[in-house]
C-alpha atoms as a PDB file:
ATOM      1  CA  MET A   1     -28.494 -19.386   8.511  1.00  0.00           C
ATOM      2  CA  PRO A   2     -25.234 -18.606   6.655  1.00  0.00           C
ATOM      3  CA  PRO A   3     -21.988 -18.829   8.589  1.00  0.00           C
ATOM      4  CA  PRO A   4     -20.666 -15.537   9.996  1.00  0.00           C
ATOM      5  CA  ARG A   5     -18.216 -13.657   7.827  1.00  0.00           C
ATOM      6  CA  PRO A   6     -14.635 -13.325   9.126  1.00  0.00           C
ATOM      7  CA  PRO A   7     -13.660  -9.862  10.442  1.00  0.00           C
ATOM      8  CA  ALA A   8     -10.765  -9.703   7.942  1.00  0.00           C
ATOM      9  CA  LEU A   9     -13.367  -9.529   5.165  1.00  0.00           C
ATOM     10  CA  TYR A  10     -14.725  -6.252   6.493  1.00  0.00           C
ATOM     11  CA  LEU A  11     -11.219  -4.842   6.766  1.00  0.00           C
ATOM     12  CA  ALA A  12     -10.591  -5.867   3.153  1.00  0.00           C
ATOM     13  CA  LEU A  13     -13.855  -4.199   2.128  1.00  0.00           C
ATOM     14  CA  ALA A  14     -12.709  -0.888   3.614  1.00  0.00           C
ATOM     15  CA  VAL A  15      -8.982  -0.718   2.860  1.00  0.00           C
ATOM     16  CA  GLY A  16      -9.102  -0.296  -0.921  1.00  0.00           C
ATOM     17  CA  PRO A  17     -11.824   2.361  -1.055  1.00  0.00           C
ATOM     18  CA  GLY A  18     -10.285   4.091   1.970  1.00  0.00           C
ATOM     19  CA  LEU A  19      -6.872   4.336   0.311  1.00  0.00           C
ATOM     20  CA  PHE A  20      -8.400   5.499  -2.937  1.00  0.00           C
ATOM     21  CA  LEU A  21     -10.498   8.147  -1.183  1.00  0.00           C
ATOM     22  CA  LEU A  22      -7.448   9.344   0.751  1.00  0.00           C
ATOM     23  CA  GLY A  23      -5.500   9.701  -2.491  1.00  0.00           C
ATOM     24  CA  VAL A  24      -8.301  11.602  -4.198  1.00  0.00           C
ATOM     25  CA  LEU A  25      -8.773  13.947  -1.235  1.00  0.00           C
ATOM     26  CA  ALA A  26      -5.025  14.416  -0.767  1.00  0.00           C
ATOM     27  CA  ARG A  27      -4.701  15.791  -4.296  1.00  0.00           C
ATOM     28  CA  GLN A  28      -6.985  18.651  -3.246  1.00  0.00           C
ATOM     29  CA  TRP A  29      -4.970  19.657  -0.159  1.00  0.00           C
ATOM     30  CA  PRO A  30      -2.742  22.738  -0.383  1.00  0.00           C
ATOM     31  CA  ALA A  31       1.017  22.137  -0.520  1.00  0.00           C
ATOM     32  CA  ALA A  32       1.446  23.501   3.007  1.00  0.00           C
ATOM     33  CA  ALA A  33      -0.872  20.797   4.400  1.00  0.00           C
ATOM     34  CA  GLN A  34       0.990  17.934   2.751  1.00  0.00           C
ATOM     35  CA  PRO A  35       3.134  15.738   4.998  1.00  0.00           C
ATOM     36  CA  THR A  36       6.924  15.940   5.057  1.00  0.00           C
ATOM     37  CA  CYS A  37       9.305  13.100   5.852  1.00  0.00           C
ATOM     38  CA  VAL A  38      11.021  13.624   9.192  1.00  0.00           C
ATOM     39  CA  ALA A  39      13.802  11.130   8.376  1.00  0.00           C
ATOM     40  CA  HIS A  40      14.536  12.926   5.099  1.00  0.00           C
ATOM     41  CA  ALA A  41      14.519  16.307   6.811  1.00  0.00           C
ATOM     42  CA  LEU A  42      17.005  15.085   9.450  1.00  0.00           C
ATOM     43  CA  THR A  43      19.371  13.046   7.266  1.00  0.00           C
ATOM     44  CA  GLY A  44      18.932  14.456   3.760  1.00  0.00           C
ATOM     45  CA  LEU A  45      18.443  10.897   2.465  1.00  0.00           C
ATOM     46  CA  PRO A  46      15.141   9.347   1.421  1.00  0.00           C
ATOM     47  CA  CYS A  47      13.690   6.828   3.856  1.00  0.00           C
ATOM     48  CA  PRO A  48      12.185   3.548   2.546  1.00  0.00           C
ATOM     49  CA  GLY A  49       8.732   5.160   2.491  1.00  0.00           C
ATOM     50  CA  CYS A  50       9.670   8.527   1.003  1.00  0.00           C
ATOM     51  CA  GLY A  51       7.344   9.465  -1.820  1.00  0.00           C
ATOM     52  CA  SER A  52       4.483   7.192  -0.721  1.00  0.00           C
ATOM     53  CA  TYR A  53       2.080  10.082  -0.286  1.00  0.00           C
ATOM     54  CA  ARG A  54       2.897  11.544  -3.694  1.00  0.00           C
ATOM     55  CA  ALA A  55       2.774   8.059  -5.250  1.00  0.00           C
ATOM     56  CA  LEU A  56      -0.719   7.558  -3.806  1.00  0.00           C
ATOM     57  CA  CYS A  57      -1.832  10.872  -5.297  1.00  0.00           C
ATOM     58  CA  LEU A  58      -0.395   9.907  -8.702  1.00  0.00           C
ATOM     59  CA  PHE A  59      -1.858   6.389  -8.475  1.00  0.00           C
ATOM     60  CA  THR A  60      -5.376   7.643  -7.786  1.00  0.00           C
ATOM     61  CA  ALA A  61      -5.021  10.155 -10.626  1.00  0.00           C
ATOM     62  CA  GLY A  62      -4.391   7.252 -13.013  1.00  0.00           C
ATOM     63  CA  ARG A  63      -0.728   8.145 -13.526  1.00  0.00           C
ATOM     64  CA  TRP A  64       0.512   4.674 -12.591  1.00  0.00           C
ATOM     65  CA  MET A  65       3.903   4.738 -14.296  1.00  0.00           C
ATOM     66  CA  GLU A  66       4.817   8.012 -12.595  1.00  0.00           C
ATOM     67  CA  ALA A  67       3.740   6.532  -9.259  1.00  0.00           C
ATOM     68  CA  TRP A  68       5.834   3.428 -10.005  1.00  0.00           C
ATOM     69  CA  ARG A  69       8.941   5.487 -10.825  1.00  0.00           C
ATOM     70  CA  LEU A  70       8.475   7.535  -7.657  1.00  0.00           C
ATOM     71  CA  GLN A  71       7.807   4.699  -5.175  1.00  0.00           C
ATOM     72  CA  PRO A  72       7.628   1.159  -6.684  1.00  0.00           C
ATOM     73  CA  LEU A  73       6.935  -0.799  -3.499  1.00  0.00           C
ATOM     74  CA  MET A  74       4.055   1.365  -2.346  1.00  0.00           C
ATOM     75  CA  THR A  75       2.565   1.435  -5.853  1.00  0.00           C
ATOM     76  CA  VAL A  76       2.452  -2.371  -5.796  1.00  0.00           C
ATOM     77  CA  PHE A  77       0.953  -2.184  -2.289  1.00  0.00           C
ATOM     78  CA  PHE A  78      -1.763   0.237  -3.441  1.00  0.00           C
ATOM     79  CA  ALA A  79      -2.625  -1.976  -6.418  1.00  0.00           C
ATOM     80  CA  LEU A  80      -2.757  -5.107  -4.262  1.00  0.00           C
ATOM     81  CA  MET A  81      -4.982  -3.406  -1.694  1.00  0.00           C
ATOM     82  CA  LEU A  82      -7.395  -2.288  -4.418  1.00  0.00           C
ATOM     83  CA  LEU A  83      -7.472  -5.789  -5.921  1.00  0.00           C
ATOM     84  CA  LEU A  84      -8.004  -7.380  -2.502  1.00  0.00           C
ATOM     85  CA  SER A  85     -10.781  -4.934  -1.757  1.00  0.00           C
ATOM     86  CA  ALA A  86     -12.430  -5.517  -5.153  1.00  0.00           C
ATOM     87  CA  ALA A  87     -12.317  -9.287  -4.582  1.00  0.00           C
ATOM     88  CA  ALA A  88     -13.802  -8.851  -1.096  1.00  0.00           C
ATOM     89  CA  TRP A  89     -16.568  -6.619  -2.469  1.00  0.00           C
ATOM     90  CA  LEU A  90     -17.411  -9.093  -5.232  1.00  0.00           C
ATOM     91  CA  GLY A  91     -17.447 -11.946  -2.725  1.00  0.00           C
ATOM     92  CA  TRP A  92     -19.657  -9.980  -0.372  1.00  0.00           C
ATOM     93  CA  LEU A  93     -22.082  -8.780  -3.065  1.00  0.00           C
ATOM     94  CA  PHE A  94     -22.487 -12.184  -4.718  1.00  0.00           C
ATOM     95  CA  ARG A  95     -22.411 -14.134  -1.441  1.00  0.00           C
ATOM     96  CA  ILE A  96     -19.366 -16.164  -2.454  1.00  0.00           C
ATOM     97  CA  PRO A  97     -18.159 -18.186   0.540  1.00  0.00           C
ATOM     98  CA  VAL A  98     -14.977 -16.806   2.042  1.00  0.00           C
ATOM     99  CA  PRO A  99     -12.538 -19.485   3.190  1.00  0.00           C
ATOM    100  CA  GLU A 100     -11.248 -19.061   6.704  1.00  0.00           C
ATOM    101  CA  PRO A 101      -7.530 -18.219   6.562  1.00  0.00           C
ATOM    102  CA  ARG A 102      -5.303 -20.748   8.227  1.00  0.00           C
ATOM    103  CA  PRO A 103      -2.533 -19.635  10.566  1.00  0.00           C
ATOM    104  CA  LEU A 104       0.937 -19.457   9.028  1.00  0.00           C
ATOM    105  CA  THR A 105       3.522 -21.981  10.106  1.00  0.00           C
ATOM    106  CA  ARG A 106       6.720 -20.741  11.737  1.00  0.00           C
ATOM    107  CA  ARG A 107       8.604 -21.320   8.474  1.00  0.00           C
ATOM    108  CA  GLU A 108       6.008 -19.394   6.453  1.00  0.00           C
ATOM    109  CA  GLN A 109       6.153 -16.508   8.947  1.00  0.00           C
ATOM    110  CA  LEU A 110       9.938 -16.392   8.616  1.00  0.00           C
ATOM    111  CA  LEU A 111       9.807 -16.511   4.802  1.00  0.00           C
ATOM    112  CA  LEU A 112       7.191 -13.742   4.773  1.00  0.00           C
ATOM    113  CA  ALA A 113       9.254 -11.569   7.120  1.00  0.00           C
ATOM    114  CA  VAL A 114      12.451 -12.095   5.104  1.00  0.00           C
ATOM    115  CA  GLY A 115      10.612 -11.456   1.819  1.00  0.00           C
ATOM    116  CA  LEU A 116       9.087  -8.227   3.126  1.00  0.00           C
ATOM    117  CA  ALA A 117      12.420  -7.060   4.530  1.00  0.00           C
ATOM    118  CA  LEU A 118      14.116  -7.745   1.176  1.00  0.00           C
ATOM    119  CA  ALA A 119      11.348  -5.882  -0.673  1.00  0.00           C
ATOM    120  CA  VAL A 120      11.708  -2.847   1.616  1.00  0.00           C
ATOM    121  CA  LEU A 121      15.526  -2.864   1.322  1.00  0.00           C
ATOM    122  CA  THR A 122      15.409  -3.242  -2.458  1.00  0.00           C
ATOM    123  CA  ASN A 123      12.926  -0.373  -2.670  1.00  0.00           C
ATOM    124  CA  TRP A 124      15.122   1.766  -0.407  1.00  0.00           C
ATOM    125  CA  PHE A 125      18.237   1.104  -2.512  1.00  0.00           C
ATOM    126  CA  TYR A 126      16.219   2.066  -5.593  1.00  0.00           C
ATOM    127  CA  LEU A 127      15.183   5.338  -3.915  1.00  0.00           C
ATOM    128  CA  LEU A 128      18.785   6.046  -2.897  1.00  0.00           C
ATOM    129  CA  ALA A 129      20.014   5.388  -6.444  1.00  0.00           C
ATOM    130  CA  VAL A 130      17.314   7.448  -8.145  1.00  0.00           C
ATOM    131  CA  ARG A 131      17.138  10.372  -5.683  1.00  0.00           C
ATOM    132  CA  PRO A 132      20.216  10.293  -3.447  1.00  0.00           C
ATOM    133  CA  GLY A 133      19.663  13.710  -1.905  1.00  0.00           C
ATOM    134  CA  ALA A 134      16.084  14.427  -2.948  1.00  0.00           C
END
């Protein structure tokens, strides 16, 4: 009997196709049904996630450079999620053993948190520079 698959594998199987399906369906929604950014509406400045929805729509339409110019961090996130999902699907279909992830050390957790915070801040500064009041 093969060892049980880790639950993270099933999450990875669903995330990529789920994001892609959301992007494809979102392109069909009328403009009135599209989400608006509350932070942008209150402050007039883009938040770190402003443009993610539109970037997802552009990404799933195959307009990757436009998505990148609109929201670089989320475009990288979308691409990574699709790649992770594709790898999980290939592993699942071809019965490739999935290594059990090891817990991160305290130092690795700190480096990951600092790296993510720097990525979000860098992305936000980019958004402020490109679209200061948009």
